[in-house]
Amino acid sequence: MPLTKWVPYAIGYVFIISGIAKLVINDFKVIFMNLGLPYPELLLFLIAVIEIACGTLIAARMNLNKAIPPLVIIMVGAIFLVKLPILTSDGFLSFAFEIRLDIVMLILLLALWKHR
């Protein structure tokens, strides 16, 4: 199977596991509480469900036009709310390390969206 056929499975896997982790690992509740967003538990649940649903659609190569944009929005939101503060508090190297998966996933999502 060509390498490009594996990309949706990799993207889907990352988001499905991330969504499940948000539902079952209590540490995520603390993280969302500390972000200062309204209704953090509801927001956490919605993001987890979106990640699982969209990750599943991407892995199945279904409705990519509808599955990719919500994940891009979630990734950009995570970068601004969670990762960018690391730059100011811990420095560039810590920031670069923490954002590495986010950057790769964004690039893969945008490449898949363009070449669906």
PDB file of N, CA and C in Angstrom:
ATOM      1  N   MET A   1       0.860  -1.171   0.000  1.00  0.00           N
ATOM      2  CA  MET A   1       0.000   0.000   0.000  1.00  0.00           C
ATOM      3  C   MET A   1       0.910   1.240   0.000  1.00  0.00           C
ATOM      4  N   PRO A   2       0.595   2.242  -0.853  1.00  0.00           N
ATOM      5  CA  PRO A   2       1.420   3.459  -0.887  1.00  0.00           C
ATOM      6  C   PRO A   2       1.387   4.200   0.454  1.00  0.00           C
ATOM      7  N   LEU A   3       2.469   4.906   0.727  1.00  0.00           N
ATOM      8  CA  LEU A   3       2.599   5.644   1.984  1.00  0.00           C
ATOM      9  C   LEU A   3       1.450   6.619   2.185  1.00  0.00           C
ATOM     10  N   THR A   4       0.991   7.258   1.116  1.00  0.00           N
ATOM     11  CA  THR A   4      -0.089   8.247   1.244  1.00  0.00           C
ATOM     12  C   THR A   4      -1.390   7.634   1.734  1.00  0.00           C
ATOM     13  N   LYS A   5      -1.567   6.358   1.534  1.00  0.00           N
ATOM     14  CA  LYS A   5      -2.778   5.685   2.023  1.00  0.00           C
ATOM     15  C   LYS A   5      -2.748   5.488   3.544  1.00  0.00           C
ATOM     16  N   TRP A   6      -1.545   5.510   4.130  1.00  0.00           N
ATOM     17  CA  TRP A   6      -1.403   5.320   5.567  1.00  0.00           C
ATOM     18  C   TRP A   6      -1.694   6.593   6.357  1.00  0.00           C
ATOM     19  N   VAL A   7      -1.561   7.743   5.712  1.00  0.00           N
ATOM     20  CA  VAL A   7      -1.714   9.028   6.413  1.00  0.00           C
ATOM     21  C   VAL A   7      -3.072   9.161   7.104  1.00  0.00           C
ATOM     22  N   PRO A   8      -4.200   8.869   6.448  1.00  0.00           N
ATOM     23  CA  PRO A   8      -5.484   8.991   7.162  1.00  0.00           C
ATOM     24  C   PRO A   8      -5.579   8.088   8.390  1.00  0.00           C
ATOM     25  N   TYR A   9      -4.975   6.907   8.312  1.00  0.00           N
ATOM     26  CA  TYR A   9      -5.000   6.015   9.473  1.00  0.00           C
ATOM     27  C   TYR A   9      -4.207   6.613  10.639  1.00  0.00           C
ATOM     28  N   ALA A  10      -3.061   7.200  10.329  1.00  0.00           N
ATOM     29  CA  ALA A  10      -2.230   7.814  11.370  1.00  0.00           C
ATOM     30  C   ALA A  10      -2.950   9.004  11.993  1.00  0.00           C
ATOM     31  N   ILE A  11      -3.526   9.852  11.163  1.00  0.00           N
ATOM     32  CA  ILE A  11      -4.264  11.014  11.674  1.00  0.00           C
ATOM     33  C   ILE A  11      -5.448  10.556  12.516  1.00  0.00           C
ATOM     34  N   GLY A  12      -6.212   9.624  11.982  1.00  0.00           N
ATOM     35  CA  GLY A  12      -7.368   9.111  12.710  1.00  0.00           C
ATOM     36  C   GLY A  12      -6.974   8.516  14.051  1.00  0.00           C
ATOM     37  N   TYR A  13      -5.903   7.738  14.055  1.00  0.00           N
ATOM     38  CA  TYR A  13      -5.430   7.114  15.295  1.00  0.00           C
ATOM     39  C   TYR A  13      -5.113   8.171  16.351  1.00  0.00           C
ATOM     40  N   VAL A  14      -4.366   9.189  15.964  1.00  0.00           N
ATOM     41  CA  VAL A  14      -3.967  10.222  16.927  1.00  0.00           C
ATOM     42  C   VAL A  14      -5.194  10.892  17.532  1.00  0.00           C
ATOM     43  N   PHE A  15      -6.168  11.270  16.703  1.00  0.00           N
ATOM     44  CA  PHE A  15      -7.333  11.986  17.222  1.00  0.00           C
ATOM     45  C   PHE A  15      -8.293  11.074  17.984  1.00  0.00           C
ATOM     46  N   ILE A  16      -8.448   9.841  17.559  1.00  0.00           N
ATOM     47  CA  ILE A  16      -9.311   8.913  18.302  1.00  0.00           C
ATOM     48  C   ILE A  16      -8.745   8.670  19.700  1.00  0.00           C
ATOM     49  N   ILE A  17      -7.453   8.386  19.785  1.00  0.00           N
ATOM     50  CA  ILE A  17      -6.821   8.142  21.083  1.00  0.00           C
ATOM     51  C   ILE A  17      -6.850   9.398  21.947  1.00  0.00           C
ATOM     52  N   SER A  18      -6.602  10.554  21.327  1.00  0.00           N
ATOM     53  CA  SER A  18      -6.633  11.816  22.071  1.00  0.00           C
ATOM     54  C   SER A  18      -8.025  12.076  22.641  1.00  0.00           C
ATOM     55  N   GLY A  19      -9.047  11.831  21.847  1.00  0.00           N
ATOM     56  CA  GLY A  19     -10.415  12.022  22.322  1.00  0.00           C
ATOM     57  C   GLY A  19     -10.778  11.077  23.450  1.00  0.00           C
ATOM     58  N   ILE A  20     -10.412   9.825  23.306  1.00  0.00           N
ATOM     59  CA  ILE A  20     -10.691   8.847  24.360  1.00  0.00           C
ATOM     60  C   ILE A  20      -9.959   9.226  25.647  1.00  0.00           C
ATOM     61  N   ALA A  21      -8.703   9.644  25.508  1.00  0.00           N
ATOM     62  CA  ALA A  21      -7.929  10.040  26.686  1.00  0.00           C
ATOM     63  C   ALA A  21      -8.590  11.207  27.405  1.00  0.00           C
ATOM     64  N   LYS A  22      -9.127  12.153  26.657  1.00  0.00           N
ATOM     65  CA  LYS A  22      -9.796  13.300  27.278  1.00  0.00           C
ATOM     66  C   LYS A  22     -11.032  12.871  28.066  1.00  0.00           C
ATOM     67  N   LEU A  23     -11.661  11.794  27.654  1.00  0.00           N
ATOM     68  CA  LEU A  23     -12.853  11.312  28.354  1.00  0.00           C
ATOM     69  C   LEU A  23     -12.525  10.499  29.604  1.00  0.00           C
ATOM     70  N   VAL A  24     -11.377   9.832  29.621  1.00  0.00           N
ATOM     71  CA  VAL A  24     -11.115   8.910  30.721  1.00  0.00           C
ATOM     72  C   VAL A  24     -10.001   9.345  31.682  1.00  0.00           C
ATOM     73  N   ILE A  25      -9.167  10.293  31.268  1.00  0.00           N
ATOM     74  CA  ILE A  25      -8.069  10.744  32.127  1.00  0.00           C
ATOM     75  C   ILE A  25      -8.468  12.055  32.805  1.00  0.00           C
ATOM     76  N   ASN A  26      -8.550  12.045  34.114  1.00  0.00           N
ATOM     77  CA  ASN A  26      -9.032  13.203  34.869  1.00  0.00           C
ATOM     78  C   ASN A  26      -8.113  14.421  34.784  1.00  0.00           C
ATOM     79  N   ASP A  27      -6.850  14.231  34.463  1.00  0.00           N
ATOM     80  CA  ASP A  27      -5.921  15.362  34.359  1.00  0.00           C
ATOM     81  C   ASP A  27      -6.382  16.394  33.328  1.00  0.00           C
ATOM     82  N   PHE A  28      -7.084  15.936  32.304  1.00  0.00           N
ATOM     83  CA  PHE A  28      -7.569  16.867  31.281  1.00  0.00           C
ATOM     84  C   PHE A  28      -8.602  17.838  31.848  1.00  0.00           C
ATOM     85  N   LYS A  29      -9.393  17.378  32.822  1.00  0.00           N
ATOM     86  CA  LYS A  29     -10.357  18.282  33.463  1.00  0.00           C
ATOM     87  C   LYS A  29      -9.636  19.434  34.148  1.00  0.00           C
ATOM     88  N   VAL A  30      -8.556  19.122  34.821  1.00  0.00           N
ATOM     89  CA  VAL A  30      -7.774  20.155  35.509  1.00  0.00           C
ATOM     90  C   VAL A  30      -7.196  21.139  34.490  1.00  0.00           C
ATOM     91  N   ILE A  31      -6.662  20.615  33.405  1.00  0.00           N
ATOM     92  CA  ILE A  31      -6.096  21.477  32.362  1.00  0.00           C
ATOM     93  C   ILE A  31      -7.166  22.419  31.824  1.00  0.00           C
ATOM     94  N   PHE A  32      -8.340  21.896  31.517  1.00  0.00           N
ATOM     95  CA  PHE A  32      -9.416  22.728  30.964  1.00  0.00           C
ATOM     96  C   PHE A  32      -9.934  23.723  31.992  1.00  0.00           C
ATOM     97  N   MET A  33      -9.974  23.337  33.265  1.00  0.00           N
ATOM     98  CA  MET A  33     -10.402  24.260  34.323  1.00  0.00           C
ATOM     99  C   MET A  33      -9.447  25.451  34.408  1.00  0.00           C
ATOM    100  N   ASN A  34      -8.162  25.184  34.230  1.00  0.00           N
ATOM    101  CA  ASN A  34      -7.152  26.237  34.354  1.00  0.00           C
ATOM    102  C   ASN A  34      -7.066  27.151  33.136  1.00  0.00           C
ATOM    103  N   LEU A  35      -7.728  26.808  32.055  1.00  0.00           N
ATOM    104  CA  LEU A  35      -7.694  27.654  30.861  1.00  0.00           C
ATOM    105  C   LEU A  35      -8.578  28.891  31.005  1.00  0.00           C
ATOM    106  N   GLY A  36      -9.504  28.866  31.937  1.00  0.00           N
ATOM    107  CA  GLY A  36     -10.374  30.013  32.151  1.00  0.00           C
ATOM    108  C   GLY A  36     -11.492  30.133  31.135  1.00  0.00           C
ATOM    109  N   LEU A  37     -11.789  29.053  30.451  1.00  0.00           N
ATOM    110  CA  LEU A  37     -12.875  29.056  29.461  1.00  0.00           C
ATOM    111  C   LEU A  37     -14.209  28.753  30.144  1.00  0.00           C
ATOM    112  N   PRO A  38     -15.301  29.250  29.588  1.00  0.00           N
ATOM    113  CA  PRO A  38     -16.605  28.937  30.181  1.00  0.00           C
ATOM    114  C   PRO A  38     -16.960  27.461  29.990  1.00  0.00           C
ATOM    115  N   TYR A  39     -17.640  26.897  30.956  1.00  0.00           N
ATOM    116  CA  TYR A  39     -18.104  25.505  30.919  1.00  0.00           C
ATOM    117  C   TYR A  39     -16.990  24.531  30.520  1.00  0.00           C
ATOM    118  N   PRO A  40     -15.908  24.479  31.281  1.00  0.00           N
ATOM    119  CA  PRO A  40     -14.746  23.674  30.872  1.00  0.00           C
ATOM    120  C   PRO A  40     -15.033  22.182  30.736  1.00  0.00           C
ATOM    121  N   GLU A  41     -15.876  21.631  31.602  1.00  0.00           N
ATOM    122  CA  GLU A  41     -16.160  20.194  31.500  1.00  0.00           C
ATOM    123  C   GLU A  41     -16.972  19.879  30.248  1.00  0.00           C
ATOM    124  N   LEU A  42     -17.937  20.728  29.940  1.00  0.00           N
ATOM    125  CA  LEU A  42     -18.726  20.538  28.724  1.00  0.00           C
ATOM    126  C   LEU A  42     -17.847  20.712  27.488  1.00  0.00           C
ATOM    127  N   LEU A  43     -16.991  21.715  27.512  1.00  0.00           N
ATOM    128  CA  LEU A  43     -16.082  21.962  26.397  1.00  0.00           C
ATOM    129  C   LEU A  43     -15.136  20.778  26.196  1.00  0.00           C
ATOM    130  N   LEU A  44     -14.614  20.248  27.280  1.00  0.00           N
ATOM    131  CA  LEU A  44     -13.741  19.073  27.212  1.00  0.00           C
ATOM    132  C   LEU A  44     -14.488  17.902  26.576  1.00  0.00           C
ATOM    133  N   PHE A  45     -15.705  17.658  27.003  1.00  0.00           N
ATOM    134  CA  PHE A  45     -16.510  16.564  26.458  1.00  0.00           C
ATOM    135  C   PHE A  45     -16.766  16.765  24.963  1.00  0.00           C
ATOM    136  N   LEU A  46     -17.157  17.982  24.579  1.00  0.00           N
ATOM    137  CA  LEU A  46     -17.437  18.257  23.168  1.00  0.00           C
ATOM    138  C   LEU A  46     -16.192  18.080  22.298  1.00  0.00           C
ATOM    139  N   ILE A  47     -15.070  18.577  22.771  1.00  0.00           N
ATOM    140  CA  ILE A  47     -13.825  18.431  22.001  1.00  0.00           C
ATOM    141  C   ILE A  47     -13.450  16.953  21.880  1.00  0.00           C
ATOM    142  N   ALA A  48     -13.611  16.196  22.951  1.00  0.00           N
ATOM    143  CA  ALA A  48     -13.301  14.763  22.911  1.00  0.00           C
ATOM    144  C   ALA A  48     -14.189  14.042  21.902  1.00  0.00           C
ATOM    145  N   VAL A  49     -15.471  14.333  21.916  1.00  0.00           N
ATOM    146  CA  VAL A  49     -16.407  13.688  20.984  1.00  0.00           C
ATOM    147  C   VAL A  49     -16.081  14.082  19.542  1.00  0.00           C
ATOM    148  N   ILE A  50     -15.779  15.352  19.319  1.00  0.00           N
ATOM    149  CA  ILE A  50     -15.419  15.813  17.974  1.00  0.00           C
ATOM    150  C   ILE A  50     -14.144  15.107  17.502  1.00  0.00           C
ATOM    151  N   GLU A  51     -13.148  15.001  18.376  1.00  0.00           N
ATOM    152  CA  GLU A  51     -11.906  14.328  17.996  1.00  0.00           C
ATOM    153  C   GLU A  51     -12.153  12.862  17.643  1.00  0.00           C
ATOM    154  N   ILE A  52     -12.956  12.179  18.424  1.00  0.00           N
ATOM    155  CA  ILE A  52     -13.243  10.769  18.153  1.00  0.00           C
ATOM    156  C   ILE A  52     -14.030  10.630  16.844  1.00  0.00           C
ATOM    157  N   ALA A  53     -15.078  11.425  16.688  1.00  0.00           N
ATOM    158  CA  ALA A  53     -15.920  11.335  15.496  1.00  0.00           C
ATOM    159  C   ALA A  53     -15.141  11.699  14.230  1.00  0.00           C
ATOM    160  N   CYS A  54     -14.455  12.817  14.253  1.00  0.00           N
ATOM    161  CA  CYS A  54     -13.716  13.264  13.067  1.00  0.00           C
ATOM    162  C   CYS A  54     -12.520  12.351  12.795  1.00  0.00           C
ATOM    163  N   GLY A  55     -11.854  11.886  13.834  1.00  0.00           N
ATOM    164  CA  GLY A  55     -10.752  10.942  13.651  1.00  0.00           C
ATOM    165  C   GLY A  55     -11.223   9.652  12.998  1.00  0.00           C
ATOM    166  N   THR A  56     -12.395   9.186  13.411  1.00  0.00           N
ATOM    167  CA  THR A  56     -12.968   7.982  12.813  1.00  0.00           C
ATOM    168  C   THR A  56     -13.324   8.214  11.349  1.00  0.00           C
ATOM    169  N   LEU A  57     -13.929   9.358  11.050  1.00  0.00           N
ATOM    170  CA  LEU A  57     -14.264   9.676   9.662  1.00  0.00           C
ATOM    171  C   LEU A  57     -13.011   9.759   8.787  1.00  0.00           C
ATOM    172  N   ILE A  58     -11.956  10.360   9.309  1.00  0.00           N
ATOM    173  CA  ILE A  58     -10.712  10.480   8.537  1.00  0.00           C
ATOM    174  C   ILE A  58     -10.088   9.104   8.311  1.00  0.00           C
ATOM    175  N   ALA A  59     -10.054   8.283   9.344  1.00  0.00           N
ATOM    176  CA  ALA A  59      -9.493   6.934   9.189  1.00  0.00           C
ATOM    177  C   ALA A  59     -10.282   6.132   8.160  1.00  0.00           C
ATOM    178  N   ALA A  60     -11.574   6.380   8.094  1.00  0.00           N
ATOM    179  CA  ALA A  60     -12.430   5.692   7.121  1.00  0.00           C
ATOM    180  C   ALA A  60     -12.462   6.413   5.771  1.00  0.00           C
ATOM    181  N   ARG A  61     -11.759   7.542   5.678  1.00  0.00           N
ATOM    182  CA  ARG A  61     -11.718   8.369   4.462  1.00  0.00           C
ATOM    183  C   ARG A  61     -13.125   8.776   4.017  1.00  0.00           C
ATOM    184  N   MET A  62     -13.940   9.157   4.985  1.00  0.00           N
ATOM    185  CA  MET A  62     -15.319   9.573   4.716  1.00  0.00           C
ATOM    186  C   MET A  62     -15.505  11.030   5.124  1.00  0.00           C
ATOM    187  N   ASN A  63     -16.226  11.777   4.321  1.00  0.00           N
ATOM    188  CA  ASN A  63     -16.581  13.170   4.635  1.00  0.00           C
ATOM    189  C   ASN A  63     -15.385  14.000   5.092  1.00  0.00           C
ATOM    190  N   LEU A  64     -14.271  13.891   4.379  1.00  0.00           N
ATOM    191  CA  LEU A  64     -13.062  14.609   4.769  1.00  0.00           C
ATOM    192  C   LEU A  64     -13.285  16.117   4.791  1.00  0.00           C
ATOM    193  N   ASN A  65     -14.105  16.627   3.883  1.00  0.00           N
ATOM    194  CA  ASN A  65     -14.381  18.071   3.857  1.00  0.00           C
ATOM    195  C   ASN A  65     -15.035  18.553   5.142  1.00  0.00           C
ATOM    196  N   LYS A  66     -15.780  17.681   5.798  1.00  0.00           N
ATOM    197  CA  LYS A  66     -16.460  18.042   7.041  1.00  0.00           C
ATOM    198  C   LYS A  66     -15.663  17.632   8.283  1.00  0.00           C
ATOM    199  N   ALA A  67     -14.813  16.635   8.161  1.00  0.00           N
ATOM    200  CA  ALA A  67     -14.084  16.117   9.324  1.00  0.00           C
ATOM    201  C   ALA A  67     -12.805  16.898   9.617  1.00  0.00           C
ATOM    202  N   ILE A  68     -12.161  17.416   8.597  1.00  0.00           N
ATOM    203  CA  ILE A  68     -10.867  18.060   8.799  1.00  0.00           C
ATOM    204  C   ILE A  68     -10.973  19.452   9.437  1.00  0.00           C
ATOM    205  N   PRO A  69     -11.863  20.348   8.976  1.00  0.00           N
ATOM    206  CA  PRO A  69     -11.888  21.705   9.566  1.00  0.00           C
ATOM    207  C   PRO A  69     -12.077  21.767  11.075  1.00  0.00           C
ATOM    208  N   PRO A  70     -12.977  20.974  11.690  1.00  0.00           N
ATOM    209  CA  PRO A  70     -13.089  21.058  13.154  1.00  0.00           C
ATOM    210  C   PRO A  70     -11.792  20.670  13.868  1.00  0.00           C
ATOM    211  N   LEU A  71     -11.068  19.721  13.308  1.00  0.00           N
ATOM    212  CA  LEU A  71      -9.812  19.307  13.930  1.00  0.00           C
ATOM    213  C   LEU A  71      -8.736  20.376  13.771  1.00  0.00           C
ATOM    214  N   VAL A  72      -8.729  21.062  12.636  1.00  0.00           N
ATOM    215  CA  VAL A  72      -7.789  22.171  12.447  1.00  0.00           C
ATOM    216  C   VAL A  72      -8.092  23.261  13.470  1.00  0.00           C
ATOM    217  N   ILE A  73      -9.351  23.567  13.675  1.00  0.00           N
ATOM    218  CA  ILE A  73      -9.750  24.588  14.656  1.00  0.00           C
ATOM    219  C   ILE A  73      -9.323  24.169  16.059  1.00  0.00           C
ATOM    220  N   ILE A  74      -9.539  22.909  16.402  1.00  0.00           N
ATOM    221  CA  ILE A  74      -9.129  22.404  17.713  1.00  0.00           C
ATOM    222  C   ILE A  74      -7.616  22.512  17.871  1.00  0.00           C
ATOM    223  N   MET A  75      -6.868  22.156  16.831  1.00  0.00           N
ATOM    224  CA  MET A  75      -5.404  22.223  16.896  1.00  0.00           C
ATOM    225  C   MET A  75      -4.923  23.661  17.066  1.00  0.00           C
ATOM    226  N   VAL A  76      -5.494  24.580  16.306  1.00  0.00           N
ATOM    227  CA  VAL A  76      -5.095  25.987  16.422  1.00  0.00           C
ATOM    228  C   VAL A  76      -5.448  26.520  17.809  1.00  0.00           C
ATOM    229  N   GLY A  77      -6.629  26.163  18.310  1.00  0.00           N
ATOM    230  CA  GLY A  77      -7.022  26.570  19.656  1.00  0.00           C
ATOM    231  C   GLY A  77      -6.075  26.024  20.709  1.00  0.00           C
ATOM    232  N   ALA A  78      -5.676  24.773  20.572  1.00  0.00           N
ATOM    233  CA  ALA A  78      -4.740  24.170  21.529  1.00  0.00           C
ATOM    234  C   ALA A  78      -3.388  24.870  21.486  1.00  0.00           C
ATOM    235  N   ILE A  79      -2.956  25.225  20.294  1.00  0.00           N
ATOM    236  CA  ILE A  79      -1.674  25.929  20.174  1.00  0.00           C
ATOM    237  C   ILE A  79      -1.733  27.267  20.899  1.00  0.00           C
ATOM    238  N   PHE A  80      -2.788  28.031  20.663  1.00  0.00           N
ATOM    239  CA  PHE A  80      -2.883  29.358  21.275  1.00  0.00           C
ATOM    240  C   PHE A  80      -3.140  29.301  22.778  1.00  0.00           C
ATOM    241  N   LEU A  81      -3.986  28.373  23.222  1.00  0.00           N
ATOM    242  CA  LEU A  81      -4.360  28.339  24.634  1.00  0.00           C
ATOM    243  C   LEU A  81      -3.386  27.564  25.522  1.00  0.00           C
ATOM    244  N   VAL A  82      -2.785  26.515  24.979  1.00  0.00           N
ATOM    245  CA  VAL A  82      -1.967  25.638  25.816  1.00  0.00           C
ATOM    246  C   VAL A  82      -0.474  25.743  25.489  1.00  0.00           C
ATOM    247  N   LYS A  83      -0.147  25.773  24.216  1.00  0.00           N
ATOM    248  CA  LYS A  83       1.264  25.706  23.835  1.00  0.00           C
ATOM    249  C   LYS A  83       1.953  27.073  23.822  1.00  0.00           C
ATOM    250  N   LEU A  84       1.295  28.101  23.339  1.00  0.00           N
ATOM    251  CA  LEU A  84       1.913  29.424  23.254  1.00  0.00           C
ATOM    252  C   LEU A  84       2.361  29.963  24.615  1.00  0.00           C
ATOM    253  N   PRO A  85       1.587  29.763  25.692  1.00  0.00           N
ATOM    254  CA  PRO A  85       2.069  30.213  27.007  1.00  0.00           C
ATOM    255  C   PRO A  85       3.389  29.562  27.432  1.00  0.00           C
ATOM    256  N   ILE A  86       3.681  28.373  26.916  1.00  0.00           N
ATOM    257  CA  ILE A  86       4.952  27.711  27.233  1.00  0.00           C
ATOM    258  C   ILE A  86       6.118  28.534  26.697  1.00  0.00           C
ATOM    259  N   LEU A  87       5.911  29.170  25.558  1.00  0.00           N
ATOM    260  CA  LEU A  87       6.962  29.997  24.958  1.00  0.00           C
ATOM    261  C   LEU A  87       7.373  31.124  25.889  1.00  0.00           C
ATOM    262  N   THR A  88       6.396  31.768  26.505  1.00  0.00           N
ATOM    263  CA  THR A  88       6.713  32.897  27.381  1.00  0.00           C
ATOM    264  C   THR A  88       7.186  32.454  28.765  1.00  0.00           C
ATOM    265  N   SER A  89       6.741  31.284  29.216  1.00  0.00           N
ATOM    266  CA  SER A  89       7.125  30.859  30.569  1.00  0.00           C
ATOM    267  C   SER A  89       8.385  30.003  30.605  1.00  0.00           C
ATOM    268  N   ASP A  90       8.553  29.100  29.641  1.00  0.00           N
ATOM    269  CA  ASP A  90       9.659  28.139  29.696  1.00  0.00           C
ATOM    270  C   ASP A  90      10.703  28.318  28.599  1.00  0.00           C
ATOM    271  N   GLY A  91      10.431  29.177  27.631  1.00  0.00           N
ATOM    272  CA  GLY A  91      11.406  29.415  26.575  1.00  0.00           C
ATOM    273  C   GLY A  91      11.125  28.653  25.293  1.00  0.00           C
ATOM    274  N   PHE A  92      11.933  28.970  24.282  1.00  0.00           N
ATOM    275  CA  PHE A  92      11.695  28.448  22.931  1.00  0.00           C
ATOM    276  C   PHE A  92      11.885  26.938  22.829  1.00  0.00           C
ATOM    277  N   LEU A  93      12.923  26.395  23.441  1.00  0.00           N
ATOM    278  CA  LEU A  93      13.182  24.966  23.292  1.00  0.00           C
ATOM    279  C   LEU A  93      12.050  24.124  23.880  1.00  0.00           C
ATOM    280  N   SER A  94      11.550  24.498  25.040  1.00  0.00           N
ATOM    281  CA  SER A  94      10.410  23.784  25.636  1.00  0.00           C
ATOM    282  C   SER A  94       9.177  23.914  24.750  1.00  0.00           C
ATOM    283  N   PHE A  95       8.957  25.133  24.244  1.00  0.00           N
ATOM    284  CA  PHE A  95       7.827  25.379  23.343  1.00  0.00           C
ATOM    285  C   PHE A  95       7.948  24.515  22.090  1.00  0.00           C
ATOM    286  N   ALA A  96       9.117  24.509  21.470  1.00  0.00           N
ATOM    287  CA  ALA A  96       9.337  23.737  20.250  1.00  0.00           C
ATOM    288  C   ALA A  96       9.111  22.245  20.495  1.00  0.00           C
ATOM    289  N   PHE A  97       9.535  21.768  21.644  1.00  0.00           N
ATOM    290  CA  PHE A  97       9.341  20.358  21.983  1.00  0.00           C
ATOM    291  C   PHE A  97       7.856  20.049  22.164  1.00  0.00           C
ATOM    292  N   GLU A  98       7.156  20.893  22.890  1.00  0.00           N
ATOM    293  CA  GLU A  98       5.734  20.650  23.184  1.00  0.00           C
ATOM    294  C   GLU A  98       4.836  20.785  21.959  1.00  0.00           C
ATOM    295  N   ILE A  99       5.225  21.596  20.998  1.00  0.00           N
ATOM    296  CA  ILE A  99       4.366  21.856  19.846  1.00  0.00           C
ATOM    297  C   ILE A  99       4.656  20.928  18.664  1.00  0.00           C
ATOM    298  N   ARG A 100       5.628  20.057  18.787  1.00  0.00           N
ATOM    299  CA  ARG A 100       6.069  19.248  17.653  1.00  0.00           C
ATOM    300  C   ARG A 100       4.954  18.392  17.055  1.00  0.00           C
ATOM    301  N   LEU A 101       4.184  17.696  17.872  1.00  0.00           N
ATOM    302  CA  LEU A 101       3.101  16.858  17.353  1.00  0.00           C
ATOM    303  C   LEU A 101       1.991  17.721  16.754  1.00  0.00           C
ATOM    304  N   ASP A 102       1.714  18.857  17.368  1.00  0.00           N
ATOM    305  CA  ASP A 102       0.677  19.752  16.856  1.00  0.00           C
ATOM    306  C   ASP A 102       1.021  20.217  15.438  1.00  0.00           C
ATOM    307  N   ILE A 103       2.274  20.584  15.230  1.00  0.00           N
ATOM    308  CA  ILE A 103       2.714  21.049  13.910  1.00  0.00           C
ATOM    309  C   ILE A 103       2.601  19.924  12.884  1.00  0.00           C
ATOM    310  N   VAL A 104       3.066  18.746  13.233  1.00  0.00           N
ATOM    311  CA  VAL A 104       2.989  17.606  12.311  1.00  0.00           C
ATOM    312  C   VAL A 104       1.536  17.282  11.978  1.00  0.00           C
ATOM    313  N   MET A 105       0.674  17.269  12.988  1.00  0.00           N
ATOM    314  CA  MET A 105      -0.733  16.944  12.739  1.00  0.00           C
ATOM    315  C   MET A 105      -1.406  18.008  11.876  1.00  0.00           C
ATOM    316  N   LEU A 106      -1.093  19.272  12.114  1.00  0.00           N
ATOM    317  CA  LEU A 106      -1.654  20.341  11.280  1.00  0.00           C
ATOM    318  C   LEU A 106      -1.214  20.186   9.830  1.00  0.00           C
ATOM    319  N   ILE A 107       0.058  19.922   9.618  1.00  0.00           N
ATOM    320  CA  ILE A 107       0.565  19.736   8.254  1.00  0.00           C
ATOM    321  C   ILE A 107      -0.111  18.543   7.586  1.00  0.00           C
ATOM    322  N   LEU A 108      -0.233  17.433   8.305  1.00  0.00           N
ATOM    323  CA  LEU A 108      -0.894  16.252   7.732  1.00  0.00           C
ATOM    324  C   LEU A 108      -2.367  16.511   7.444  1.00  0.00           C
ATOM    325  N   LEU A 109      -3.055  17.195   8.363  1.00  0.00           N
ATOM    326  CA  LEU A 109      -4.464  17.520   8.124  1.00  0.00           C
ATOM    327  C   LEU A 109      -4.626  18.394   6.887  1.00  0.00           C
ATOM    328  N   LEU A 110      -3.804  19.430   6.768  1.00  0.00           N
ATOM    329  CA  LEU A 110      -3.912  20.337   5.629  1.00  0.00           C
ATOM    330  C   LEU A 110      -3.519  19.642   4.330  1.00  0.00           C
ATOM    331  N   ALA A 111      -2.516  18.779   4.369  1.00  0.00           N
ATOM    332  CA  ALA A 111      -2.127  18.023   3.170  1.00  0.00           C
ATOM    333  C   ALA A 111      -3.248  17.076   2.747  1.00  0.00           C
ATOM    334  N   LEU A 112      -3.863  16.403   3.708  1.00  0.00           N
ATOM    335  CA  LEU A 112      -4.969  15.495   3.387  1.00  0.00           C
ATOM    336  C   LEU A 112      -6.156  16.260   2.833  1.00  0.00           C
ATOM    337  N   TRP A 113      -6.422  17.436   3.401  1.00  0.00           N
ATOM    338  CA  TRP A 113      -7.540  18.260   2.935  1.00  0.00           C
ATOM    339  C   TRP A 113      -7.312  18.699   1.489  1.00  0.00           C
ATOM    340  N   LYS A 114      -6.083  19.065   1.182  1.00  0.00           N
ATOM    341  CA  LYS A 114      -5.762  19.532  -0.163  1.00  0.00           C
ATOM    342  C   LYS A 114      -5.783  18.385  -1.178  1.00  0.00           C
ATOM    343  N   HIS A 115      -5.348  17.205  -0.773  1.00  0.00           N
ATOM    344  CA  HIS A 115      -5.195  16.083  -1.701  1.00  0.00           C
ATOM    345  C   HIS A 115      -6.206  14.966  -1.494  1.00  0.00           C
ATOM    346  N   ARG A 116      -7.353  15.292  -0.975  1.00  0.00           N
ATOM    347  CA  ARG A 116      -8.368  14.265  -0.724  1.00  0.00           C
ATOM    348  C   ARG A 116      -8.845  13.748  -2.013  1.00  0.00           C
TER     349      ARG A 116
END
